[in-house]
Amino acid sequence: THQFRTGCINSSVIGILVLTVQSLSQVLLAFYLVLCVHLQTIILSLTFYLSHCLTYCGLPPFSPVMSTHPCLLLLIKNPPRHSLDRF
């Protein structure tokens, strides 16, 4: 009976750990997406500003390097209208 009880406790602890990890990953994903949405205007403005500067200085814009990040890829695919109008 003693062994059975510890086995029960161990399995419940593992279950709690799995749930914790799952919820944490979901929270992190949500946080990442929110952060991505809030930062997209700033990132886009910076990207445009820097690429304009580099083009003005006679250097190639570095957009291919920037677009490798999944978050930035989303931004480049659907840029917010108002930040584009400024340039």
PDB file of N, CA and C in Angstrom:
ATOM      1  N   THR A   1       0.829  -1.215   0.000  1.00  0.00           N
ATOM      2  CA  THR A   1       0.000   0.000   0.000  1.00  0.00           C
ATOM      3  C   THR A   1       0.863   1.264   0.000  1.00  0.00           C
ATOM      4  N   HIS A   2       1.994   1.201   0.704  1.00  0.00           N
ATOM      5  CA  HIS A   2       2.873   2.379   0.797  1.00  0.00           C
ATOM      6  C   HIS A   2       3.416   2.768  -0.589  1.00  0.00           C
ATOM      7  N   GLN A   3       3.796   1.735  -1.343  1.00  0.00           N
ATOM      8  CA  GLN A   3       4.350   1.970  -2.682  1.00  0.00           C
ATOM      9  C   GLN A   3       3.273   2.554  -3.611  1.00  0.00           C
ATOM     10  N   PHE A   4       2.059   2.053  -3.466  1.00  0.00           N
ATOM     11  CA  PHE A   4       0.943   2.532  -4.287  1.00  0.00           C
ATOM     12  C   PHE A   4       0.687   4.008  -4.034  1.00  0.00           C
ATOM     13  N   ARG A   5       0.744   4.398  -2.763  1.00  0.00           N
ATOM     14  CA  ARG A   5       0.479   5.793  -2.393  1.00  0.00           C
ATOM     15  C   ARG A   5       1.525   6.730  -2.996  1.00  0.00           C
ATOM     16  N   THR A   6       2.797   6.365  -2.910  1.00  0.00           N
ATOM     17  CA  THR A   6       3.847   7.231  -3.470  1.00  0.00           C
ATOM     18  C   THR A   6       3.733   7.300  -4.983  1.00  0.00           C
ATOM     19  N   GLY A   7       3.333   6.189  -5.606  1.00  0.00           N
ATOM     20  CA  GLY A   7       3.112   6.175  -7.053  1.00  0.00           C
ATOM     21  C   GLY A   7       2.019   7.144  -7.433  1.00  0.00           C
ATOM     22  N   CYS A   8       0.955   7.161  -6.641  1.00  0.00           N
ATOM     23  CA  CYS A   8      -0.157   8.079  -6.863  1.00  0.00           C
ATOM     24  C   CYS A   8       0.318   9.522  -6.768  1.00  0.00           C
ATOM     25  N   ILE A   9       1.069   9.813  -5.732  1.00  0.00           N
ATOM     26  CA  ILE A   9       1.572  11.168  -5.510  1.00  0.00           C
ATOM     27  C   ILE A   9       2.478  11.584  -6.674  1.00  0.00           C
ATOM     28  N   ASN A  10       3.369  10.670  -7.076  1.00  0.00           N
ATOM     29  CA  ASN A  10       4.283  10.967  -8.182  1.00  0.00           C
ATOM     30  C   ASN A  10       3.535  11.292  -9.469  1.00  0.00           C
ATOM     31  N   SER A  11       2.531  10.496  -9.793  1.00  0.00           N
ATOM     32  CA  SER A  11       1.776  10.725 -11.033  1.00  0.00           C
ATOM     33  C   SER A  11       1.013  12.043 -10.971  1.00  0.00           C
ATOM     34  N   SER A  12       0.476  12.388  -9.803  1.00  0.00           N
ATOM     35  CA  SER A  12      -0.254  13.657  -9.677  1.00  0.00           C
ATOM     36  C   SER A  12       0.694  14.845  -9.794  1.00  0.00           C
ATOM     37  N   VAL A  13       1.896  14.696  -9.230  1.00  0.00           N
ATOM     38  CA  VAL A  13       2.909  15.754  -9.333  1.00  0.00           C
ATOM     39  C   VAL A  13       3.299  15.960 -10.791  1.00  0.00           C
ATOM     40  N   ILE A  14       3.492  14.860 -11.511  1.00  0.00           N
ATOM     41  CA  ILE A  14       3.841  14.932 -12.938  1.00  0.00           C
ATOM     42  C   ILE A  14       2.711  15.607 -13.714  1.00  0.00           C
ATOM     43  N   GLY A  15       1.462  15.243 -13.379  1.00  0.00           N
ATOM     44  CA  GLY A  15       0.302  15.853 -14.029  1.00  0.00           C
ATOM     45  C   GLY A  15       0.246  17.352 -13.813  1.00  0.00           C
ATOM     46  N   ILE A  16       0.505  17.775 -12.571  1.00  0.00           N
ATOM     47  CA  ILE A  16       0.510  19.209 -12.232  1.00  0.00           C
ATOM     48  C   ILE A  16       1.614  19.924 -13.004  1.00  0.00           C
ATOM     49  N   LEU A  17       2.782  19.306 -13.072  1.00  0.00           N
ATOM     50  CA  LEU A  17       3.910  19.895 -13.798  1.00  0.00           C
ATOM     51  C   LEU A  17       3.593  20.066 -15.280  1.00  0.00           C
ATOM     52  N   VAL A  18       2.981  19.037 -15.863  1.00  0.00           N
ATOM     53  CA  VAL A  18       2.612  19.094 -17.292  1.00  0.00           C
ATOM     54  C   VAL A  18       1.626  20.233 -17.534  1.00  0.00           C
ATOM     55  N   LEU A  19       0.608  20.333 -16.664  1.00  0.00           N
ATOM     56  CA  LEU A  19      -0.390  21.401 -16.787  1.00  0.00           C
ATOM     57  C   LEU A  19       0.256  22.772 -16.661  1.00  0.00           C
ATOM     58  N   THR A  20       1.172  22.897 -15.707  1.00  0.00           N
ATOM     59  CA  THR A  20       1.864  24.167 -15.482  1.00  0.00           C
ATOM     60  C   THR A  20       2.655  24.571 -16.726  1.00  0.00           C
ATOM     61  N   VAL A  21       3.377  23.621 -17.283  1.00  0.00           N
ATOM     62  CA  VAL A  21       4.184  23.889 -18.474  1.00  0.00           C
ATOM     63  C   VAL A  21       3.288  24.290 -19.647  1.00  0.00           C
ATOM     64  N   GLN A  22       2.164  23.575 -19.816  1.00  0.00           N
ATOM     65  CA  GLN A  22       1.230  23.887 -20.909  1.00  0.00           C
ATOM     66  C   GLN A  22       0.661  25.291 -20.757  1.00  0.00           C
ATOM     67  N   SER A  23       0.202  25.627 -19.557  1.00  0.00           N
ATOM     68  CA  SER A  23      -0.392  26.953 -19.342  1.00  0.00           C
ATOM     69  C   SER A  23       0.655  28.051 -19.503  1.00  0.00           C
ATOM     70  N   LEU A  24       1.864  27.781 -19.039  1.00  0.00           N
ATOM     71  CA  LEU A  24       2.950  28.757 -19.178  1.00  0.00           C
ATOM     72  C   LEU A  24       3.273  29.016 -20.645  1.00  0.00           C
ATOM     73  N   SER A  25       3.307  27.955 -21.435  1.00  0.00           N
ATOM     74  CA  SER A  25       3.610  28.128 -22.859  1.00  0.00           C
ATOM     75  C   SER A  25       2.502  28.920 -23.548  1.00  0.00           C
ATOM     76  N   GLN A  26       1.239  28.676 -23.150  1.00  0.00           N
ATOM     77  CA  GLN A  26       0.116  29.414 -23.723  1.00  0.00           C
ATOM     78  C   GLN A  26       0.200  30.899 -23.358  1.00  0.00           C
ATOM     79  N   VAL A  27       0.530  31.171 -22.100  1.00  0.00           N
ATOM     80  CA  VAL A  27       0.672  32.556 -21.628  1.00  0.00           C
ATOM     81  C   VAL A  27       1.791  33.257 -22.386  1.00  0.00           C
ATOM     82  N   LEU A  28       2.893  32.558 -22.553  1.00  0.00           N
ATOM     83  CA  LEU A  28       4.032  33.131 -23.275  1.00  0.00           C
ATOM     84  C   LEU A  28       3.690  33.425 -24.727  1.00  0.00           C
ATOM     85  N   LEU A  29       2.952  32.510 -25.344  1.00  0.00           N
ATOM     86  CA  LEU A  29       2.536  32.700 -26.739  1.00  0.00           C
ATOM     87  C   LEU A  29       1.625  33.915 -26.861  1.00  0.00           C
ATOM     88  N   ALA A  30       0.653  34.013 -25.939  1.00  0.00           N
ATOM     89  CA  ALA A  30      -0.272  35.152 -25.944  1.00  0.00           C
ATOM     90  C   ALA A  30       0.493  36.458 -25.740  1.00  0.00           C
ATOM     91  N   PHE A  31       1.423  36.452 -24.793  1.00  0.00           N
ATOM     92  CA  PHE A  31       2.241  37.623 -24.495  1.00  0.00           C
ATOM     93  C   PHE A  31       3.048  38.034 -25.718  1.00  0.00           C
ATOM     94  N   TYR A  32       3.615  37.034 -26.397  1.00  0.00           N
ATOM     95  CA  TYR A  32       4.412  37.288 -27.602  1.00  0.00           C
ATOM     96  C   TYR A  32       3.564  37.923 -28.693  1.00  0.00           C
ATOM     97  N   LEU A  33       2.359  37.397 -28.878  1.00  0.00           N
ATOM     98  CA  LEU A  33       1.470  37.923 -29.917  1.00  0.00           C
ATOM     99  C   LEU A  33       1.043  39.349 -29.610  1.00  0.00           C
ATOM    100  N   VAL A  34       0.713  39.619 -28.353  1.00  0.00           N
ATOM    101  CA  VAL A  34       0.314  40.973 -27.933  1.00  0.00           C
ATOM    102  C   VAL A  34       1.472  41.936 -28.145  1.00  0.00           C
ATOM    103  N   LEU A  35       2.654  41.507 -27.736  1.00  0.00           N
ATOM    104  CA  LEU A  35       3.858  42.316 -27.886  1.00  0.00           C
ATOM    105  C   LEU A  35       4.123  42.609 -29.357  1.00  0.00           C
ATOM    106  N   CYS A  36       3.940  41.579 -30.177  1.00  0.00           N
ATOM    107  CA  CYS A  36       4.150  41.707 -31.616  1.00  0.00           C
ATOM    108  C   CYS A  36       3.208  42.758 -32.192  1.00  0.00           C
ATOM    109  N   VAL A  37       1.945  42.707 -31.802  1.00  0.00           N
ATOM    110  CA  VAL A  37       0.949  43.644 -32.319  1.00  0.00           C
ATOM    111  C   VAL A  37       1.262  45.068 -31.868  1.00  0.00           C
ATOM    112  N   HIS A  38       1.632  45.229 -30.586  1.00  0.00           N
ATOM    113  CA  HIS A  38       1.910  46.568 -30.070  1.00  0.00           C
ATOM    114  C   HIS A  38       3.184  47.162 -30.632  1.00  0.00           C
ATOM    115  N   LEU A  39       4.163  46.305 -30.896  1.00  0.00           N
ATOM    116  CA  LEU A  39       5.448  46.811 -31.377  1.00  0.00           C
ATOM    117  C   LEU A  39       5.520  46.943 -32.889  1.00  0.00           C
ATOM    118  N   GLN A  40       4.494  46.443 -33.596  1.00  0.00           N
ATOM    119  CA  GLN A  40       4.620  46.404 -35.054  1.00  0.00           C
ATOM    120  C   GLN A  40       4.767  47.788 -35.670  1.00  0.00           C
ATOM    121  N   THR A  41       4.076  48.785 -35.135  1.00  0.00           N
ATOM    122  CA  THR A  41       4.196  50.144 -35.676  1.00  0.00           C
ATOM    123  C   THR A  41       5.598  50.686 -35.467  1.00  0.00           C
ATOM    124  N   ILE A  42       6.122  50.502 -34.261  1.00  0.00           N
ATOM    125  CA  ILE A  42       7.468  51.000 -33.930  1.00  0.00           C
ATOM    126  C   ILE A  42       8.517  50.314 -34.797  1.00  0.00           C
ATOM    127  N   ILE A  43       8.422  48.974 -34.874  1.00  0.00           N
ATOM    128  CA  ILE A  43       9.388  48.204 -35.654  1.00  0.00           C
ATOM    129  C   ILE A  43       9.336  48.612 -37.117  1.00  0.00           C
ATOM    130  N   LEU A  44       8.111  48.752 -37.621  1.00  0.00           N
ATOM    131  CA  LEU A  44       7.954  49.126 -39.026  1.00  0.00           C
ATOM    132  C   LEU A  44       8.527  50.503 -39.302  1.00  0.00           C
ATOM    133  N   SER A  45       8.216  51.439 -38.416  1.00  0.00           N
ATOM    134  CA  SER A  45       8.734  52.799 -38.579  1.00  0.00           C
ATOM    135  C   SER A  45      10.254  52.798 -38.586  1.00  0.00           C
ATOM    136  N   LEU A  46      10.838  52.041 -37.641  1.00  0.00           N
ATOM    137  CA  LEU A  46      12.292  51.948 -37.562  1.00  0.00           C
ATOM    138  C   LEU A  46      12.868  51.308 -38.809  1.00  0.00           C
ATOM    139  N   THR A  47      12.232  50.238 -39.257  1.00  0.00           N
ATOM    140  CA  THR A  47      12.706  49.540 -40.458  1.00  0.00           C
ATOM    141  C   THR A  47      12.681  50.466 -41.655  1.00  0.00           C
ATOM    142  N   PHE A  48      11.553  51.163 -41.831  1.00  0.00           N
ATOM    143  CA  PHE A  48      11.431  52.087 -42.954  1.00  0.00           C
ATOM    144  C   PHE A  48      12.465  53.211 -42.849  1.00  0.00           C
ATOM    145  N   TYR A  49      12.559  53.775 -41.646  1.00  0.00           N
ATOM    146  CA  TYR A  49      13.491  54.884 -41.415  1.00  0.00           C
ATOM    147  C   TYR A  49      14.922  54.468 -41.731  1.00  0.00           C
ATOM    148  N   LEU A  50      15.324  53.312 -41.210  1.00  0.00           N
ATOM    149  CA  LEU A  50      16.695  52.841 -41.417  1.00  0.00           C
ATOM    150  C   LEU A  50      16.958  52.473 -42.862  1.00  0.00           C
ATOM    151  N   SER A  51      15.981  51.827 -43.502  1.00  0.00           N
ATOM    152  CA  SER A  51      16.193  51.455 -44.906  1.00  0.00           C
ATOM    153  C   SER A  51      16.231  52.698 -45.795  1.00  0.00           C
ATOM    154  N   HIS A  52      15.416  53.713 -45.456  1.00  0.00           N
ATOM    155  CA  HIS A  52      15.451  54.984 -46.189  1.00  0.00           C
ATOM    156  C   HIS A  52      16.807  55.638 -46.014  1.00  0.00           C
ATOM    157  N   CYS A  53      17.326  55.627 -44.785  1.00  0.00           N
ATOM    158  CA  CYS A  53      18.641  56.196 -44.491  1.00  0.00           C
ATOM    159  C   CYS A  53      19.720  55.490 -45.285  1.00  0.00           C
ATOM    160  N   LEU A  54      19.668  54.141 -45.259  1.00  0.00           N
ATOM    161  CA  LEU A  54      20.679  53.351 -45.954  1.00  0.00           C
ATOM    162  C   LEU A  54      20.616  53.569 -47.458  1.00  0.00           C
ATOM    163  N   THR A  55      19.397  53.689 -47.985  1.00  0.00           N
ATOM    164  CA  THR A  55      19.230  53.939 -49.417  1.00  0.00           C
ATOM    165  C   THR A  55      19.782  55.328 -49.763  1.00  0.00           C
ATOM    166  N   TYR A  56      19.507  56.288 -48.883  1.00  0.00           N
ATOM    167  CA  TYR A  56      19.987  57.665 -49.078  1.00  0.00           C
ATOM    168  C   TYR A  56      21.510  57.710 -49.064  1.00  0.00           C
ATOM    169  N   CYS A  57      22.119  56.902 -48.178  1.00  0.00           N
ATOM    170  CA  CYS A  57      23.585  56.862 -48.067  1.00  0.00           C
ATOM    171  C   CYS A  57      24.218  56.013 -49.169  1.00  0.00           C
ATOM    172  N   GLY A  58      23.397  55.409 -50.003  1.00  0.00           N
ATOM    173  CA  GLY A  58      23.924  54.616 -51.115  1.00  0.00           C
ATOM    174  C   GLY A  58      24.178  53.164 -50.749  1.00  0.00           C
ATOM    175  N   LEU A  59      23.644  52.728 -49.599  1.00  0.00           N
ATOM    176  CA  LEU A  59      23.794  51.339 -49.177  1.00  0.00           C
ATOM    177  C   LEU A  59      22.488  50.594 -49.400  1.00  0.00           C
ATOM    178  N   PRO A  60      22.541  49.285 -49.675  1.00  0.00           N
ATOM    179  CA  PRO A  60      21.307  48.544 -49.892  1.00  0.00           C
ATOM    180  C   PRO A  60      20.500  48.399 -48.601  1.00  0.00           C
ATOM    181  N   PRO A  61      19.181  48.548 -48.657  1.00  0.00           N
ATOM    182  CA  PRO A  61      18.361  48.364 -47.469  1.00  0.00           C
ATOM    183  C   PRO A  61      18.414  46.912 -46.983  1.00  0.00           C
ATOM    184  N   PHE A  62      18.343  46.738 -45.684  1.00  0.00           N
ATOM    185  CA  PHE A  62      18.563  45.417 -45.089  1.00  0.00           C
ATOM    186  C   PHE A  62      17.254  44.678 -44.792  1.00  0.00           C
ATOM    187  N   SER A  63      16.197  44.958 -45.547  1.00  0.00           N
ATOM    188  CA  SER A  63      14.904  44.314 -45.304  1.00  0.00           C
ATOM    189  C   SER A  63      14.941  42.778 -45.373  1.00  0.00           C
ATOM    190  N   PRO A  64      15.731  42.153 -46.280  1.00  0.00           N
ATOM    191  CA  PRO A  64      15.757  40.685 -46.280  1.00  0.00           C
ATOM    192  C   PRO A  64      16.238  40.096 -44.956  1.00  0.00           C
ATOM    193  N   VAL A  65      17.172  40.760 -44.305  1.00  0.00           N
ATOM    194  CA  VAL A  65      17.681  40.304 -43.017  1.00  0.00           C
ATOM    195  C   VAL A  65      16.590  40.443 -41.953  1.00  0.00           C
ATOM    196  N   MET A  66      15.883  41.569 -41.990  1.00  0.00           N
ATOM    197  CA  MET A  66      14.836  41.840 -41.022  1.00  0.00           C
ATOM    198  C   MET A  66      13.668  40.863 -41.150  1.00  0.00           C
ATOM    199  N   SER A  67      13.337  40.479 -42.383  1.00  0.00           N
ATOM    200  CA  SER A  67      12.144  39.669 -42.635  1.00  0.00           C
ATOM    201  C   SER A  67      12.310  38.212 -42.233  1.00  0.00           C
ATOM    202  N   THR A  68      13.505  37.826 -41.761  1.00  0.00           N
ATOM    203  CA  THR A  68      13.698  36.437 -41.362  1.00  0.00           C
ATOM    204  C   THR A  68      12.990  36.129 -40.042  1.00  0.00           C
ATOM    205  N   HIS A  69      12.799  37.117 -39.196  1.00  0.00           N
ATOM    206  CA  HIS A  69      12.107  36.922 -37.923  1.00  0.00           C
ATOM    207  C   HIS A  69      10.609  36.738 -38.174  1.00  0.00           C
ATOM    208  N   PRO A  70       9.968  35.712 -37.567  1.00  0.00           N
ATOM    209  CA  PRO A  70       8.542  35.455 -37.827  1.00  0.00           C
ATOM    210  C   PRO A  70       7.626  36.630 -37.488  1.00  0.00           C
ATOM    211  N   CYS A  71       7.936  37.323 -36.408  1.00  0.00           N
ATOM    212  CA  CYS A  71       7.142  38.481 -36.004  1.00  0.00           C
ATOM    213  C   CYS A  71       7.262  39.583 -37.045  1.00  0.00           C
ATOM    214  N   LEU A  72       8.467  39.844 -37.487  1.00  0.00           N
ATOM    215  CA  LEU A  72       8.703  40.884 -38.478  1.00  0.00           C
ATOM    216  C   LEU A  72       8.138  40.504 -39.835  1.00  0.00           C
ATOM    217  N   LEU A  73       8.124  39.188 -40.099  1.00  0.00           N
ATOM    218  CA  LEU A  73       7.537  38.706 -41.348  1.00  0.00           C
ATOM    219  C   LEU A  73       6.064  39.064 -41.403  1.00  0.00           C
ATOM    220  N   LEU A  74       5.376  38.914 -40.263  1.00  0.00           N
ATOM    221  CA  LEU A  74       3.965  39.288 -40.158  1.00  0.00           C
ATOM    222  C   LEU A  74       3.792  40.772 -40.447  1.00  0.00           C
ATOM    223  N   LEU A  75       4.673  41.576 -39.917  1.00  0.00           N
ATOM    224  CA  LEU A  75       4.592  43.029 -40.083  1.00  0.00           C
ATOM    225  C   LEU A  75       4.758  43.411 -41.539  1.00  0.00           C
ATOM    226  N   ILE A  76       5.711  42.790 -42.193  1.00  0.00           N
ATOM    227  CA  ILE A  76       5.994  43.128 -43.580  1.00  0.00           C
ATOM    228  C   ILE A  76       4.824  42.697 -44.466  1.00  0.00           C
ATOM    229  N   LYS A  77       4.188  41.557 -44.109  1.00  0.00           N
ATOM    230  CA  LYS A  77       3.041  41.077 -44.887  1.00  0.00           C
ATOM    231  C   LYS A  77       1.819  41.971 -44.694  1.00  0.00           C
ATOM    232  N   ASN A  78       1.522  42.341 -43.435  1.00  0.00           N
ATOM    233  CA  ASN A  78       0.387  43.248 -43.184  1.00  0.00           C
ATOM    234  C   ASN A  78       0.852  44.481 -42.426  1.00  0.00           C
ATOM    235  N   PRO A  79       1.425  45.454 -43.130  1.00  0.00           N
ATOM    236  CA  PRO A  79       1.874  46.662 -42.452  1.00  0.00           C
ATOM    237  C   PRO A  79       0.692  47.547 -42.066  1.00  0.00           C
ATOM    238  N   PRO A  80       0.752  48.188 -40.895  1.00  0.00           N
ATOM    239  CA  PRO A  80      -0.315  49.105 -40.512  1.00  0.00           C
ATOM    240  C   PRO A  80      -0.351  50.314 -41.437  1.00  0.00           C
ATOM    241  N   ARG A  81      -1.539  50.728 -41.839  1.00  0.00           N
ATOM    242  CA  ARG A  81      -1.696  51.800 -42.831  1.00  0.00           C
ATOM    243  C   ARG A  81      -1.069  53.120 -42.378  1.00  0.00           C
ATOM    244  N   HIS A  82      -1.378  53.520 -41.154  1.00  0.00           N
ATOM    245  CA  HIS A  82      -0.973  54.864 -40.702  1.00  0.00           C
ATOM    246  C   HIS A  82       0.533  55.077 -40.678  1.00  0.00           C
ATOM    247  N   SER A  83       1.311  54.016 -40.405  1.00  0.00           N
ATOM    248  CA  SER A  83       2.753  54.193 -40.374  1.00  0.00           C
ATOM    249  C   SER A  83       3.326  54.296 -41.789  1.00  0.00           C
ATOM    250  N   LEU A  84       2.653  53.663 -42.733  1.00  0.00           N
ATOM    251  CA  LEU A  84       3.105  53.747 -44.130  1.00  0.00           C
ATOM    252  C   LEU A  84       2.822  55.121 -44.715  1.00  0.00           C
ATOM    253  N   ASP A  85       1.729  55.739 -44.292  1.00  0.00           N
ATOM    254  CA  ASP A  85       1.341  57.045 -44.830  1.00  0.00           C
ATOM    255  C   ASP A  85       2.341  58.146 -44.480  1.00  0.00           C
ATOM    256  N   ARG A  86       3.071  57.935 -43.376  1.00  0.00           N
ATOM    257  CA  ARG A  86       4.026  58.947 -42.933  1.00  0.00           C
ATOM    258  C   ARG A  86       5.199  59.071 -43.896  1.00  0.00           C
ATOM    259  N   PHE A  87       5.538  57.990 -44.592  1.00  0.00           N
ATOM    260  CA  PHE A  87       6.706  58.015 -45.473  1.00  0.00           C
ATOM    261  C   PHE A  87       6.330  58.297 -46.924  1.00  0.00           C
TER     262      PHE A  87
END
